[in-house]
Amino acid sequence: MDIEHTKLEELKKSKYSYSDLSQEIEATLEYANKNVVNDIFGDAEEITGVVTKVGEAEYLEIWATDDNRPFDLTARYYKIL
């Protein structure tokens, strides 16, 4: 399986929103592809940060990381939607 990933510094250059708050992560994951989340992270509880791109009332992209420093520009994020 080829998993699309990038670093936070690349996502921050675009129109994405970042969050490392557990409540926001949990709410965002409701819209993610659960199979992809399980394949990459094993358990959604491991996710420490999300970056989202929103269109008109819907998520266009969701990226997630399990990095212990999700705010670090070198943290690797995986596309889950």
Protein backbone atom coordinates (compact mmCIF):
# COMPACT_ATOMS: atom_id res chain seq x y z
CA MET A 1 0.00 0.00 0.00
CA ASP A 2 1.42 3.36 -1.04
CA ILE A 3 0.60 5.83 1.74
CA GLU A 4 0.71 9.50 0.85
CA HIS A 5 2.63 11.56 3.39
CA THR A 6 4.31 14.94 3.76
CA LYS A 7 5.87 17.14 6.42
CA LEU A 8 3.98 19.77 8.37
CA GLU A 9 6.10 22.55 6.87
CA GLU A 10 4.72 21.71 3.41
CA LEU A 11 1.12 21.69 4.64
CA LYS A 12 1.56 25.01 6.45
CA LYS A 13 2.45 26.66 3.11
CA SER A 14 -1.09 25.99 1.87
CA LYS A 15 -4.58 26.77 3.14
CA TYR A 16 -4.70 24.14 5.86
CA SER A 17 -5.74 24.33 9.52
CA TYR A 18 -3.70 22.63 12.25
CA SER A 19 -4.85 21.21 15.59
CA ASP A 20 -3.29 19.11 18.32
CA LEU A 21 -6.28 19.38 20.68
CA SER A 22 -7.70 15.96 21.50
CA GLN A 23 -11.32 17.11 21.17
CA GLU A 24 -10.70 18.55 17.70
CA ILE A 25 -8.73 15.49 16.62
CA GLU A 26 -11.56 13.20 17.74
CA ALA A 27 -14.19 15.30 15.94
CA THR A 28 -12.12 15.45 12.75
CA LEU A 29 -11.52 11.70 12.70
CA GLU A 30 -15.27 11.15 12.35
CA TYR A 31 -14.82 12.22 8.71
CA ALA A 32 -11.61 10.32 8.00
CA ASN A 33 -11.29 6.99 6.21
CA LYS A 34 -11.32 4.57 9.19
CA ASN A 35 -9.59 1.80 7.23
CA VAL A 36 -6.70 4.09 6.30
CA VAL A 37 -6.42 5.32 9.89
CA ASN A 38 -6.23 1.72 11.15
CA ASP A 39 -3.70 0.72 8.46
CA ILE A 40 -1.38 3.62 9.28
CA PHE A 41 -1.77 4.12 13.01
CA GLY A 42 -3.34 0.89 14.24
CA ASP A 43 -5.48 2.89 16.64
CA ALA A 44 -6.90 6.40 16.30
CA GLU A 45 -5.83 7.02 19.92
CA GLU A 46 -2.23 7.25 18.64
CA ILE A 47 -2.96 10.37 16.56
CA THR A 48 -1.43 13.49 18.08
CA GLY A 49 -2.20 16.12 15.44
CA VAL A 50 -4.36 16.78 12.41
CA VAL A 51 -4.19 19.20 9.52
CA THR A 52 -7.33 19.83 7.50
CA LYS A 53 -8.38 21.56 4.31
CA VAL A 54 -12.02 22.58 4.28
CA GLY A 55 -14.22 23.34 1.30
CA GLU A 56 -17.81 24.49 1.41
CA ALA A 57 -19.11 22.75 4.56
CA GLU A 58 -16.95 19.63 4.11
CA TYR A 59 -13.42 18.36 4.62
CA LEU A 60 -11.50 18.16 1.37
CA GLU A 61 -8.37 16.68 2.97
CA ILE A 62 -7.38 15.37 6.38
CA TRP A 63 -3.78 14.65 7.32
CA ALA A 64 -2.73 13.09 10.64
CA THR A 65 0.40 12.27 12.63
CA ASP A 66 1.37 10.21 15.64
CA ASP A 67 4.58 12.19 16.14
CA ASN A 68 5.32 13.12 19.75
CA ARG A 69 5.97 16.67 18.50
CA PRO A 70 3.06 17.22 16.06
CA PHE A 71 3.77 20.97 15.95
CA ASP A 72 7.34 20.46 14.68
CA LEU A 73 7.68 21.43 11.03
CA THR A 74 9.48 18.14 10.36
CA ALA A 75 6.62 16.00 11.75
CA ARG A 76 5.41 13.53 9.11
CA TYR A 77 1.69 13.67 8.32
CA TYR A 78 -0.26 10.98 6.50
CA LYS A 79 -3.27 11.62 4.28
CA ILE A 80 -6.35 9.94 5.78
CA LEU A 81 -8.99 11.64 3.61
